[in-house]
N, C-alpha and C. Protein backbone atom coordinates (compact mmCIF):
# COMPACT_ATOMS: atom_id res chain seq x y z
N UNK A 1 52.36 32.87 54.90
CA UNK A 1 51.57 31.63 54.86
C UNK A 1 50.12 31.96 55.14
N UNK A 2 49.19 31.34 54.40
CA UNK A 2 47.77 31.64 54.59
C UNK A 2 47.31 31.11 55.94
N UNK A 3 46.37 31.87 56.62
CA UNK A 3 45.79 31.45 57.88
C UNK A 3 44.75 30.37 57.63
N UNK A 4 44.47 29.54 58.61
CA UNK A 4 43.48 28.49 58.49
C UNK A 4 42.49 28.60 59.64
N UNK A 5 41.25 28.14 59.41
CA UNK A 5 40.23 28.10 60.47
C UNK A 5 39.42 26.83 60.28
N UNK A 6 38.80 26.34 61.37
CA UNK A 6 38.06 25.09 61.34
C UNK A 6 36.63 25.34 60.90
N UNK A 7 36.14 24.50 60.00
CA UNK A 7 34.75 24.59 59.55
C UNK A 7 34.13 23.20 59.66
N UNK A 8 32.82 23.14 59.57
CA UNK A 8 32.10 21.87 59.63
C UNK A 8 31.19 21.75 58.43
N UNK A 9 31.19 20.55 57.82
CA UNK A 9 30.29 20.33 56.70
C UNK A 9 28.94 19.90 57.25
N UNK A 10 27.90 19.73 56.37
CA UNK A 10 26.56 19.37 56.87
C UNK A 10 26.56 18.08 57.68
N UNK A 11 27.47 17.15 57.47
CA UNK A 11 27.49 15.89 58.21
C UNK A 11 28.18 16.03 59.55
N UNK A 12 28.70 17.20 59.85
CA UNK A 12 29.34 17.43 61.14
C UNK A 12 30.81 17.19 61.15
N UNK A 13 31.39 16.81 59.96
CA UNK A 13 32.82 16.57 59.92
C UNK A 13 33.56 17.90 59.88
N UNK A 14 34.65 17.94 60.61
CA UNK A 14 35.44 19.16 60.62
C UNK A 14 36.40 19.16 59.46
N UNK A 15 36.77 20.35 58.96
CA UNK A 15 37.71 20.47 57.84
C UNK A 15 38.45 21.78 57.99
N UNK A 16 39.59 21.86 57.36
CA UNK A 16 40.37 23.08 57.37
C UNK A 16 40.00 23.94 56.18
N UNK A 17 39.56 25.16 56.39
CA UNK A 17 39.24 26.09 55.29
C UNK A 17 40.33 27.14 55.22
N UNK A 18 40.70 27.47 54.00
CA UNK A 18 41.81 28.40 53.81
C UNK A 18 41.28 29.83 53.74
N UNK A 19 41.86 30.73 54.50
CA UNK A 19 41.47 32.14 54.52
C UNK A 19 42.55 32.94 53.79
N UNK A 20 42.17 33.83 52.88
CA UNK A 20 43.16 34.57 52.09
C UNK A 20 44.12 35.34 52.97
N UNK A 21 45.40 35.30 52.56
CA UNK A 21 46.42 36.05 53.29
C UNK A 21 46.40 37.51 52.88
N UNK A 22 46.43 38.45 53.81
CA UNK A 22 46.48 39.89 53.44
C UNK A 22 47.68 40.20 52.57
N UNK A 23 48.80 39.50 52.79
CA UNK A 23 49.99 39.78 52.00
C UNK A 23 49.78 39.35 50.54
N UNK A 24 49.14 38.17 50.32
CA UNK A 24 48.88 37.71 48.95
C UNK A 24 47.93 38.64 48.22
N UNK A 25 46.92 39.13 48.91
CA UNK A 25 45.98 40.07 48.30
C UNK A 25 46.69 41.35 47.88
N UNK A 26 47.57 41.85 48.69
CA UNK A 26 48.31 43.08 48.38
C UNK A 26 49.21 42.89 47.18
N UNK A 27 49.84 41.71 47.07
CA UNK A 27 50.73 41.45 45.93
C UNK A 27 49.94 41.44 44.63
N UNK A 28 48.75 40.80 44.63
CA UNK A 28 47.93 40.76 43.41
C UNK A 28 47.45 42.15 43.03
N UNK A 29 47.11 42.96 43.99
CA UNK A 29 46.67 44.33 43.71
C UNK A 29 47.80 45.15 43.10
N UNK A 30 49.00 44.97 43.62
CA UNK A 30 50.16 45.69 43.07
C UNK A 30 50.43 45.29 41.64
N UNK A 31 50.33 43.97 41.33
CA UNK A 31 50.56 43.49 39.95
C UNK A 31 49.55 44.09 38.99
N UNK A 32 48.26 44.13 39.42
CA UNK A 32 47.23 44.72 38.54
C UNK A 32 47.51 46.20 38.29
N UNK A 33 47.95 46.91 39.31
CA UNK A 33 48.24 48.34 39.16
C UNK A 33 49.38 48.57 38.18
N UNK A 34 50.44 47.74 38.28
CA UNK A 34 51.58 47.88 37.37
C UNK A 34 51.18 47.58 35.94
N UNK A 35 50.35 46.55 35.74
CA UNK A 35 49.89 46.21 34.39
C UNK A 35 49.07 47.35 33.79
N UNK A 36 48.18 47.92 34.59
CA UNK A 36 47.37 49.04 34.10
C UNK A 36 48.22 50.24 33.72
N UNK A 37 49.24 50.54 34.54
CA UNK A 37 50.13 51.67 34.24
C UNK A 37 50.89 51.45 32.95
N UNK A 38 51.34 50.20 32.72
CA UNK A 38 52.10 49.89 31.50
C UNK A 38 51.24 50.06 30.26
N UNK A 39 49.99 49.55 30.31
CA UNK A 39 49.08 49.71 29.17
C UNK A 39 48.79 51.17 28.89
N UNK A 40 48.60 51.95 29.94
CA UNK A 40 48.33 53.38 29.75
C UNK A 40 49.50 54.07 29.09
N UNK A 41 50.71 53.72 29.51
CA UNK A 41 51.90 54.34 28.92
C UNK A 41 52.03 53.98 27.46
N UNK A 42 51.71 52.73 27.09
CA UNK A 42 51.79 52.32 25.69
C UNK A 42 50.80 53.08 24.83
N UNK A 43 49.57 53.24 25.32
CA UNK A 43 48.56 53.94 24.54
C UNK A 43 48.91 55.41 24.38
N UNK A 44 49.35 56.04 25.48
CA UNK A 44 49.70 57.45 25.41
C UNK A 44 50.91 57.68 24.51
N UNK A 45 51.79 56.71 24.43
CA UNK A 45 52.98 56.83 23.60
C UNK A 45 52.72 56.50 22.15
N UNK A 46 51.50 56.08 21.81
CA UNK A 46 51.19 55.77 20.42
C UNK A 46 51.72 54.43 19.97
N UNK A 47 52.08 53.53 20.90
CA UNK A 47 52.65 52.25 20.52
C UNK A 47 51.65 51.12 20.64
N UNK A 48 50.47 51.39 21.15
CA UNK A 48 49.47 50.35 21.33
C UNK A 48 48.76 50.04 20.04
N UNK A 49 47.90 49.00 20.05
CA UNK A 49 47.19 48.62 18.83
C UNK A 49 46.24 49.68 18.33
N UNK A 50 45.81 50.61 19.19
CA UNK A 50 44.92 51.68 18.76
C UNK A 50 45.65 52.97 18.53
N UNK A 51 46.95 52.99 18.75
CA UNK A 51 47.73 54.21 18.54
C UNK A 51 48.06 54.38 17.08
N UNK A 52 48.17 55.65 16.63
CA UNK A 52 48.50 55.92 15.25
C UNK A 52 49.99 55.99 15.01
N UNK A 53 50.80 55.71 16.03
CA UNK A 53 52.24 55.78 15.87
C UNK A 53 52.75 54.71 14.94
N UNK A 54 53.95 54.91 14.40
CA UNK A 54 54.55 53.96 13.49
C UNK A 54 55.69 53.25 14.19
N UNK A 55 56.15 52.17 13.63
CA UNK A 55 57.26 51.41 14.18
C UNK A 55 58.50 52.29 14.27
N UNK A 56 59.27 52.12 15.34
CA UNK A 56 60.43 52.98 15.55
C UNK A 56 61.49 52.79 14.47
N UNK A 57 61.48 51.63 13.79
CA UNK A 57 62.46 51.37 12.75
C UNK A 57 62.09 52.01 11.42
N UNK A 58 60.87 52.51 11.27
CA UNK A 58 60.44 53.12 10.02
C UNK A 58 61.05 54.52 9.88
N UNK A 59 61.26 54.97 8.63
CA UNK A 59 61.72 56.35 8.43
C UNK A 59 60.68 57.33 8.94
N UNK A 60 61.11 58.52 9.33
CA UNK A 60 60.19 59.54 9.82
C UNK A 60 59.29 60.03 8.70
N UNK A 61 58.07 60.40 9.09
CA UNK A 61 57.12 61.00 8.14
C UNK A 61 57.26 62.51 8.17
N UNK A 62 57.13 63.14 7.01
CA UNK A 62 57.23 64.59 6.86
C UNK A 62 56.04 65.07 6.04
N UNK A 63 55.52 66.25 6.37
CA UNK A 63 54.42 66.83 5.59
C UNK A 63 54.98 67.78 4.55
N UNK A 64 54.59 67.56 3.29
CA UNK A 64 54.94 68.47 2.21
C UNK A 64 53.81 69.48 2.06
N UNK A 65 54.06 70.72 2.41
CA UNK A 65 53.01 71.73 2.41
C UNK A 65 52.49 72.02 1.00
N UNK A 66 53.37 71.98 -0.01
CA UNK A 66 52.96 72.32 -1.38
C UNK A 66 51.95 71.32 -1.92
N UNK A 67 52.22 70.01 -1.74
CA UNK A 67 51.31 68.99 -2.27
C UNK A 67 50.30 68.52 -1.24
N UNK A 68 50.41 69.01 -0.01
CA UNK A 68 49.47 68.72 1.07
C UNK A 68 49.36 67.22 1.33
N UNK A 69 50.51 66.57 1.57
CA UNK A 69 50.51 65.14 1.86
C UNK A 69 51.74 64.77 2.68
N UNK A 70 51.65 63.62 3.33
CA UNK A 70 52.76 63.12 4.15
C UNK A 70 53.55 62.09 3.36
N UNK A 71 54.87 62.12 3.49
CA UNK A 71 55.74 61.19 2.79
C UNK A 71 56.95 60.88 3.66
N UNK A 72 57.71 59.88 3.26
CA UNK A 72 58.94 59.51 3.96
C UNK A 72 60.13 59.81 3.04
N UNK A 73 60.88 60.86 3.34
CA UNK A 73 61.96 61.30 2.45
C UNK A 73 62.99 60.23 2.12
N UNK A 74 63.20 59.29 3.04
CA UNK A 74 64.23 58.28 2.84
C UNK A 74 63.70 57.01 2.18
N UNK A 75 62.44 57.02 1.74
CA UNK A 75 61.85 55.80 1.19
C UNK A 75 61.36 56.02 -0.24
N UNK A 76 61.97 55.34 -1.21
CA UNK A 76 61.51 55.34 -2.60
C UNK A 76 61.58 53.91 -3.13
N UNK A 77 60.80 53.64 -4.16
CA UNK A 77 60.77 52.33 -4.81
C UNK A 77 61.22 52.48 -6.25
N UNK A 78 61.71 51.39 -6.81
CA UNK A 78 62.17 51.43 -8.20
C UNK A 78 61.59 50.30 -9.05
N UNK A 79 60.63 49.57 -8.51
CA UNK A 79 60.02 48.48 -9.27
C UNK A 79 58.97 49.04 -10.24
N UNK A 80 58.93 48.53 -11.49
CA UNK A 80 57.93 49.01 -12.46
C UNK A 80 56.57 48.36 -12.31
N UNK A 81 56.39 47.44 -11.36
CA UNK A 81 55.15 46.68 -11.28
C UNK A 81 53.93 47.56 -11.07
N UNK A 82 54.03 48.55 -10.20
CA UNK A 82 52.90 49.44 -9.94
C UNK A 82 52.52 50.22 -11.20
N UNK A 83 53.51 50.69 -11.93
CA UNK A 83 53.27 51.43 -13.17
C UNK A 83 52.60 50.53 -14.20
N UNK A 84 53.09 49.31 -14.35
CA UNK A 84 52.52 48.38 -15.33
C UNK A 84 51.09 48.01 -14.99
N UNK A 85 50.78 47.90 -13.69
CA UNK A 85 49.43 47.56 -13.26
C UNK A 85 48.44 48.68 -13.60
N UNK A 86 48.85 49.91 -13.40
CA UNK A 86 47.95 51.04 -13.61
C UNK A 86 47.92 51.52 -15.05
N UNK A 87 49.03 51.34 -15.77
CA UNK A 87 49.12 51.83 -17.15
C UNK A 87 49.61 50.72 -18.08
N UNK A 88 48.77 49.71 -18.31
CA UNK A 88 49.20 48.60 -19.18
C UNK A 88 49.47 49.01 -20.62
N UNK A 89 48.97 50.19 -21.02
CA UNK A 89 49.24 50.67 -22.37
C UNK A 89 50.73 50.95 -22.57
N UNK A 90 51.45 51.17 -21.49
CA UNK A 90 52.89 51.40 -21.58
C UNK A 90 53.60 50.04 -21.65
N UNK A 91 53.93 49.62 -22.82
CA UNK A 91 54.57 48.31 -23.00
C UNK A 91 56.08 48.44 -22.81
N UNK A 92 56.48 48.35 -21.56
CA UNK A 92 57.89 48.47 -21.24
C UNK A 92 58.25 49.90 -20.89
N UNK A 93 58.84 50.08 -19.73
CA UNK A 93 59.27 51.40 -19.28
C UNK A 93 60.74 51.31 -18.86
N UNK A 94 61.37 52.46 -18.77
CA UNK A 94 62.75 52.51 -18.32
C UNK A 94 62.82 52.64 -16.81
N UNK A 95 63.71 53.48 -16.33
CA UNK A 95 63.87 53.67 -14.89
C UNK A 95 62.59 54.24 -14.27
N UNK A 96 62.28 53.77 -13.10
CA UNK A 96 61.08 54.21 -12.37
C UNK A 96 61.48 54.60 -10.96
N UNK A 97 61.01 55.75 -10.49
CA UNK A 97 61.19 56.16 -9.09
C UNK A 97 59.82 56.47 -8.52
N UNK A 98 59.47 55.79 -7.45
CA UNK A 98 58.12 55.90 -6.89
C UNK A 98 58.20 56.34 -5.43
N UNK A 99 57.32 57.27 -5.06
CA UNK A 99 57.12 57.66 -3.66
C UNK A 99 55.66 57.42 -3.32
N UNK A 100 55.39 57.12 -2.07
CA UNK A 100 54.01 56.90 -1.65
C UNK A 100 53.83 57.37 -0.22
N UNK A 101 52.57 57.55 0.18
CA UNK A 101 52.33 58.03 1.54
C UNK A 101 50.86 58.23 1.81
N UNK A 102 50.55 59.19 2.70
CA UNK A 102 49.17 59.43 3.13
C UNK A 102 48.85 60.91 3.10
N UNK A 103 47.56 61.21 3.09
CA UNK A 103 47.11 62.59 3.16
C UNK A 103 46.92 63.05 4.60
N UNK A 104 46.57 62.15 5.49
CA UNK A 104 46.40 62.50 6.90
C UNK A 104 47.66 62.16 7.69
N UNK A 105 47.78 62.74 8.85
CA UNK A 105 48.96 62.56 9.69
C UNK A 105 49.09 61.09 10.13
N UNK A 106 50.16 60.41 9.74
CA UNK A 106 50.32 59.00 10.13
C UNK A 106 50.47 58.79 11.63
N UNK A 107 50.78 59.87 12.37
CA UNK A 107 50.96 59.74 13.81
C UNK A 107 49.65 59.95 14.58
N UNK A 108 48.57 60.27 13.89
CA UNK A 108 47.29 60.40 14.57
C UNK A 108 46.81 59.02 15.00
N UNK A 109 46.03 58.98 16.07
CA UNK A 109 45.53 57.71 16.58
C UNK A 109 44.29 57.27 15.80
N UNK A 110 44.51 56.82 14.57
CA UNK A 110 43.43 56.33 13.71
C UNK A 110 43.70 54.84 13.45
N UNK A 111 42.86 53.93 13.96
CA UNK A 111 43.14 52.50 13.80
C UNK A 111 43.22 52.05 12.35
N UNK A 112 42.25 52.49 11.52
CA UNK A 112 42.22 52.05 10.13
C UNK A 112 41.97 53.25 9.22
N UNK A 113 43.01 53.80 8.58
CA UNK A 113 42.82 54.94 7.67
C UNK A 113 41.91 54.55 6.51
N UNK A 114 41.18 55.54 5.98
CA UNK A 114 40.31 55.29 4.83
C UNK A 114 41.15 54.90 3.62
N UNK A 115 40.54 54.14 2.72
CA UNK A 115 41.27 53.65 1.55
C UNK A 115 41.83 54.80 0.71
N UNK A 116 41.03 55.87 0.54
CA UNK A 116 41.48 56.97 -0.30
C UNK A 116 42.46 57.91 0.41
N UNK A 117 42.95 57.49 1.58
CA UNK A 117 43.95 58.29 2.29
C UNK A 117 45.35 58.06 1.71
N UNK A 118 45.50 57.04 0.88
CA UNK A 118 46.82 56.69 0.35
C UNK A 118 47.03 57.23 -1.07
N UNK A 119 48.27 57.57 -1.37
CA UNK A 119 48.61 58.08 -2.69
C UNK A 119 49.96 57.50 -3.12
N UNK A 120 50.24 57.58 -4.41
CA UNK A 120 51.57 57.22 -4.91
C UNK A 120 51.90 58.11 -6.11
N UNK A 121 53.17 58.38 -6.28
CA UNK A 121 53.64 59.22 -7.38
C UNK A 121 54.85 58.54 -8.03
N UNK A 122 55.05 58.84 -9.32
CA UNK A 122 56.16 58.20 -10.02
C UNK A 122 56.76 59.14 -11.06
N UNK A 123 58.07 59.01 -11.21
CA UNK A 123 58.79 59.62 -12.33
C UNK A 123 59.25 58.44 -13.20
N UNK A 124 58.78 58.41 -14.45
CA UNK A 124 58.95 57.24 -15.31
C UNK A 124 59.72 57.63 -16.57
N UNK A 125 60.75 56.87 -16.86
CA UNK A 125 61.52 57.11 -18.08
C UNK A 125 60.91 56.30 -19.24
N UNK A 126 60.65 56.97 -20.35
CA UNK A 126 60.11 56.34 -21.55
C UNK A 126 61.02 56.59 -22.73
N UNK A 127 60.79 55.85 -23.79
CA UNK A 127 61.44 56.16 -25.05
C UNK A 127 60.75 57.39 -25.65
N UNK A 128 61.50 58.27 -26.35
CA UNK A 128 60.86 59.43 -26.98
C UNK A 128 59.68 59.04 -27.86
N UNK A 129 59.77 57.88 -28.53
CA UNK A 129 58.66 57.43 -29.38
C UNK A 129 57.42 57.15 -28.55
N UNK A 130 57.59 56.62 -27.32
CA UNK A 130 56.44 56.37 -26.45
C UNK A 130 55.78 57.67 -26.03
N UNK A 131 56.59 58.68 -25.76
CA UNK A 131 56.03 59.99 -25.40
C UNK A 131 55.22 60.55 -26.57
N UNK A 132 55.77 60.45 -27.77
CA UNK A 132 55.05 60.94 -28.95
C UNK A 132 53.72 60.20 -29.14
N UNK A 133 53.72 58.89 -28.88
CA UNK A 133 52.49 58.11 -29.01
C UNK A 133 51.43 58.56 -28.01
N UNK A 134 51.85 58.86 -26.78
CA UNK A 134 50.90 59.33 -25.77
C UNK A 134 50.32 60.69 -26.14
N UNK A 135 51.15 61.57 -26.66
CA UNK A 135 50.68 62.89 -27.09
C UNK A 135 49.70 62.75 -28.24
N UNK A 136 50.02 61.89 -29.22
CA UNK A 136 49.14 61.68 -30.37
C UNK A 136 47.81 61.06 -29.94
N UNK A 137 47.86 60.08 -29.03
CA UNK A 137 46.64 59.43 -28.57
C UNK A 137 45.76 60.41 -27.80
N UNK A 138 46.39 61.29 -27.03
CA UNK A 138 45.62 62.30 -26.29
C UNK A 138 44.96 63.28 -27.25
N UNK A 139 45.68 63.69 -28.29
CA UNK A 139 45.11 64.60 -29.28
C UNK A 139 43.95 63.94 -30.00
N UNK A 140 44.08 62.66 -30.33
CA UNK A 140 43.01 61.94 -31.01
C UNK A 140 41.78 61.82 -30.13
N UNK A 141 42.00 61.57 -28.82
CA UNK A 141 40.87 61.48 -27.90
C UNK A 141 40.16 62.82 -27.79
N UNK A 142 40.93 63.91 -27.77
CA UNK A 142 40.33 65.24 -27.71
C UNK A 142 39.55 65.56 -28.96
N UNK A 143 40.06 65.15 -30.11
CA UNK A 143 39.35 65.39 -31.37
C UNK A 143 38.05 64.61 -31.40
N UNK A 144 38.07 63.40 -30.89
CA UNK A 144 36.87 62.58 -30.86
C UNK A 144 35.81 63.16 -29.94
N UNK A 145 36.24 63.69 -28.81
CA UNK A 145 35.29 64.24 -27.83
C UNK A 145 34.68 65.54 -28.30
N UNK A 146 35.46 66.34 -29.01
CA UNK A 146 35.01 67.69 -29.36
C UNK A 146 34.70 67.86 -30.86
N UNK A 147 34.82 66.77 -31.63
CA UNK A 147 34.47 66.83 -33.03
C UNK A 147 35.43 67.63 -33.88
N UNK A 148 36.66 67.75 -33.47
CA UNK A 148 37.63 68.51 -34.25
C UNK A 148 39.02 68.22 -33.78
N UNK A 149 39.97 68.98 -34.24
CA UNK A 149 41.36 68.76 -33.85
C UNK A 149 41.51 69.02 -32.35
N UNK A 150 42.23 68.14 -31.70
CA UNK A 150 42.45 68.29 -30.27
C UNK A 150 43.93 68.41 -29.99
N UNK A 151 44.24 68.96 -28.85
CA UNK A 151 45.64 69.09 -28.44
C UNK A 151 45.71 68.87 -26.93
N UNK A 152 46.76 68.21 -26.45
CA UNK A 152 46.89 68.00 -25.01
C UNK A 152 46.94 69.33 -24.26
N UNK A 153 46.37 69.32 -23.07
CA UNK A 153 46.39 70.50 -22.22
C UNK A 153 47.78 70.72 -21.65
N UNK A 154 48.32 71.93 -21.71
CA UNK A 154 49.64 72.18 -21.13
C UNK A 154 49.58 72.16 -19.60
N UNK A 155 50.67 71.76 -19.00
CA UNK A 155 50.81 71.76 -17.55
C UNK A 155 52.09 72.53 -17.23
N UNK A 156 51.97 73.60 -16.46
CA UNK A 156 53.14 74.42 -16.19
C UNK A 156 54.13 73.68 -15.27
N UNK A 157 55.37 74.09 -15.34
CA UNK A 157 56.39 73.49 -14.48
C UNK A 157 56.07 73.71 -13.01
N UNK A 158 55.52 74.87 -12.69
CA UNK A 158 55.13 75.15 -11.30
C UNK A 158 54.07 74.15 -10.82
N UNK A 159 53.11 73.83 -11.68
CA UNK A 159 52.08 72.86 -11.33
C UNK A 159 52.68 71.48 -11.10
N UNK A 160 53.62 71.11 -11.96
CA UNK A 160 54.27 69.81 -11.85
C UNK A 160 55.00 69.70 -10.52
N UNK A 161 55.82 70.68 -10.21
CA UNK A 161 56.63 70.63 -9.00
C UNK A 161 55.77 70.74 -7.73
N UNK A 162 54.68 71.49 -7.83
CA UNK A 162 53.80 71.62 -6.66
C UNK A 162 53.07 70.31 -6.37
N UNK A 163 52.82 69.53 -7.41
CA UNK A 163 52.09 68.27 -7.24
C UNK A 163 52.97 67.17 -6.67
N UNK A 164 54.28 67.20 -6.96
CA UNK A 164 55.19 66.14 -6.54
C UNK A 164 55.82 66.43 -5.19
N UNK A 165 56.05 65.38 -4.42
CA UNK A 165 56.75 65.55 -3.15
C UNK A 165 58.24 65.80 -3.44
N UNK A 166 58.94 66.46 -2.52
CA UNK A 166 60.35 66.82 -2.76
C UNK A 166 61.25 65.65 -3.14
N UNK A 167 60.94 64.46 -2.65
CA UNK A 167 61.75 63.28 -2.99
C UNK A 167 61.86 63.11 -4.50
N UNK A 168 60.78 63.40 -5.23
CA UNK A 168 60.75 63.18 -6.67
C UNK A 168 61.14 64.41 -7.47
N UNK A 169 61.08 65.57 -6.87
CA UNK A 169 61.39 66.79 -7.61
C UNK A 169 62.80 66.73 -8.21
N UNK A 170 63.73 66.14 -7.48
CA UNK A 170 65.10 66.05 -7.98
C UNK A 170 65.27 65.10 -9.14
N UNK A 171 64.25 64.25 -9.39
CA UNK A 171 64.30 63.31 -10.51
C UNK A 171 63.76 63.92 -11.80
N UNK A 172 63.12 65.08 -11.70
CA UNK A 172 62.48 65.69 -12.87
C UNK A 172 63.52 66.43 -13.71
N UNK A 173 63.56 66.10 -15.00
CA UNK A 173 64.50 66.74 -15.91
C UNK A 173 63.95 68.05 -16.45
N UNK A 174 64.83 68.90 -16.93
CA UNK A 174 64.38 70.12 -17.61
C UNK A 174 63.57 69.74 -18.85
N UNK A 175 62.55 70.53 -19.13
CA UNK A 175 61.67 70.20 -20.25
C UNK A 175 61.45 71.45 -21.12
N UNK A 176 62.34 71.70 -22.08
CA UNK A 176 62.21 72.89 -22.94
C UNK A 176 60.91 72.89 -23.76
N UNK A 177 60.42 71.68 -24.12
CA UNK A 177 59.20 71.60 -24.92
C UNK A 177 57.93 71.79 -24.13
N UNK A 178 58.02 71.80 -22.80
CA UNK A 178 56.85 71.99 -21.96
C UNK A 178 56.16 70.68 -21.62
N UNK A 179 55.50 70.67 -20.47
CA UNK A 179 54.76 69.50 -20.01
C UNK A 179 53.32 69.55 -20.51
N UNK A 180 52.78 68.39 -20.89
CA UNK A 180 51.39 68.32 -21.35
C UNK A 180 50.68 67.15 -20.67
N UNK A 181 49.39 67.31 -20.46
CA UNK A 181 48.57 66.29 -19.80
C UNK A 181 48.19 65.20 -20.80
N UNK A 182 48.47 63.93 -20.47
CA UNK A 182 48.13 62.82 -21.37
C UNK A 182 47.21 61.81 -20.68
N UNK A 183 46.44 62.27 -19.71
CA UNK A 183 45.56 61.34 -18.99
C UNK A 183 44.58 60.61 -19.91
N UNK A 184 44.02 61.24 -20.96
CA UNK A 184 43.10 60.49 -21.84
C UNK A 184 43.76 59.28 -22.49
N UNK A 185 45.05 59.36 -22.77
CA UNK A 185 45.75 58.24 -23.40
C UNK A 185 46.05 57.12 -22.40
N UNK A 186 46.12 57.44 -21.12
CA UNK A 186 46.45 56.45 -20.11
C UNK A 186 45.24 55.87 -19.41
N UNK A 187 44.07 56.45 -19.62
CA UNK A 187 42.88 56.00 -18.91
C UNK A 187 41.66 55.99 -19.83
N UNK A 188 41.84 55.58 -21.07
CA UNK A 188 40.76 55.66 -22.04
C UNK A 188 39.56 54.78 -21.66
N UNK A 189 39.83 53.61 -21.07
CA UNK A 189 38.73 52.69 -20.78
C UNK A 189 38.03 53.00 -19.46
N UNK A 190 38.70 53.59 -18.51
CA UNK A 190 38.14 53.85 -17.20
C UNK A 190 37.58 55.26 -17.05
N UNK A 191 37.91 56.15 -17.96
CA UNK A 191 37.51 57.54 -17.83
C UNK A 191 38.72 58.44 -17.90
N UNK A 192 38.51 59.74 -18.02
CA UNK A 192 39.63 60.67 -18.23
C UNK A 192 40.57 60.84 -17.05
N UNK A 193 40.13 60.44 -15.85
CA UNK A 193 40.99 60.67 -14.68
C UNK A 193 41.05 59.45 -13.76
N UNK A 194 40.90 58.25 -14.31
CA UNK A 194 40.97 57.02 -13.53
C UNK A 194 41.90 56.04 -14.23
N UNK A 195 42.83 55.46 -13.48
CA UNK A 195 43.76 54.50 -14.07
C UNK A 195 43.08 53.16 -14.29
N UNK A 196 43.73 52.27 -15.02
CA UNK A 196 43.16 50.95 -15.27
C UNK A 196 42.99 50.15 -13.98
N UNK A 197 43.77 50.47 -12.95
CA UNK A 197 43.64 49.79 -11.66
C UNK A 197 42.63 50.46 -10.75
N UNK A 198 42.02 51.56 -11.22
CA UNK A 198 40.95 52.20 -10.46
C UNK A 198 41.35 53.36 -9.58
N UNK A 199 42.58 53.84 -9.69
CA UNK A 199 43.01 54.99 -8.88
C UNK A 199 42.68 56.31 -9.58
N UNK A 200 42.42 57.33 -8.76
CA UNK A 200 42.13 58.65 -9.29
C UNK A 200 43.45 59.31 -9.71
N UNK A 201 43.52 59.75 -10.97
CA UNK A 201 44.74 60.37 -11.50
C UNK A 201 44.70 61.87 -11.24
N UNK A 202 45.69 62.36 -10.53
CA UNK A 202 45.80 63.79 -10.24
C UNK A 202 46.79 64.47 -11.19
N UNK A 203 47.77 63.71 -11.66
CA UNK A 203 48.78 64.26 -12.57
C UNK A 203 49.24 63.16 -13.52
N UNK A 204 49.20 63.44 -14.81
CA UNK A 204 49.76 62.54 -15.82
C UNK A 204 50.34 63.44 -16.91
N UNK A 205 51.58 63.80 -16.77
CA UNK A 205 52.19 64.77 -17.69
C UNK A 205 53.45 64.19 -18.30
N UNK A 206 53.61 64.40 -19.61
CA UNK A 206 54.85 64.02 -20.29
C UNK A 206 55.54 65.29 -20.76
N UNK A 207 56.84 65.15 -20.93
CA UNK A 207 57.63 66.26 -21.48
C UNK A 207 57.59 66.17 -22.99
N UNK A 208 56.95 67.12 -23.64
CA UNK A 208 56.85 67.11 -25.10
C UNK A 208 58.25 67.16 -25.71
N UNK A 209 58.55 66.16 -26.55
CA UNK A 209 59.88 66.08 -27.14
C UNK A 209 60.92 65.50 -26.20
N UNK A 210 60.50 65.06 -25.02
CA UNK A 210 61.43 64.51 -24.04
C UNK A 210 61.19 63.03 -23.81
N UNK A 211 61.52 62.57 -22.57
CA UNK A 211 61.43 61.14 -22.31
C UNK A 211 60.88 60.81 -20.92
N UNK A 212 60.22 61.76 -20.27
CA UNK A 212 59.71 61.49 -18.94
C UNK A 212 58.19 61.59 -18.86
N UNK A 213 57.62 60.72 -18.03
CA UNK A 213 56.21 60.77 -17.68
C UNK A 213 56.12 60.92 -16.16
N UNK A 214 55.35 61.90 -15.71
CA UNK A 214 55.17 62.14 -14.27
C UNK A 214 53.72 61.81 -13.91
N UNK A 215 53.55 61.05 -12.87
CA UNK A 215 52.19 60.67 -12.48
C UNK A 215 52.00 60.87 -10.98
N UNK A 216 50.77 61.16 -10.60
CA UNK A 216 50.37 61.21 -9.20
C UNK A 216 48.96 60.66 -9.12
N UNK A 217 48.75 59.66 -8.27
CA UNK A 217 47.45 59.00 -8.21
C UNK A 217 47.03 58.82 -6.75
N UNK A 218 45.72 58.77 -6.56
CA UNK A 218 45.14 58.59 -5.23
C UNK A 218 44.35 57.28 -5.21
N UNK A 219 44.61 56.43 -4.20
CA UNK A 219 43.90 55.16 -4.09
C UNK A 219 42.41 55.42 -3.93
N UNK A 220 41.63 54.62 -4.63
CA UNK A 220 40.18 54.76 -4.55
C UNK A 220 39.55 53.41 -4.27
């Protein structure tokens, strides 16, 4: 119980003034100390608003040394919406497998990663006729740029696999005809290495005589 002492106001009337109890002061100090310790533990554990940690329910992040990026092995998407947004020239696609992630460590304490820290990759099934159209359009663009016959640049299988994260490598089919770069056909209006949605294209390869398109893009 708080102690009391007698005081007098300017008119001389006496009144009871309340004096803080030492026990109440100690309790408030203990509460503040516990709150401070809890906040410190949250920040050090990466769970605070400024921590770079991720939600415990999210799949773990893994670094792919070959492509130099972080990805979540258990997370893939199958919606064609992202492909249609970036490559509207592709009027209808088949099966789509998409992986996405970051270039920097997601567990670092960075409040707001830069926009270009994000990437996405896709393995896209096309009709053989669509692949032929992309190859022809790329050759035509090369001929226009260089004033003569053009041909798509070859992309080795090693380059393809090194660019893709392991999640997508298993989706890539054998390509006896070889992989070729068709970025000019997919980004004619934005430039040779920019998608219609404004992302930087790092890989745009089709299997000559096959039915797959492989893409890797960086948000810009």
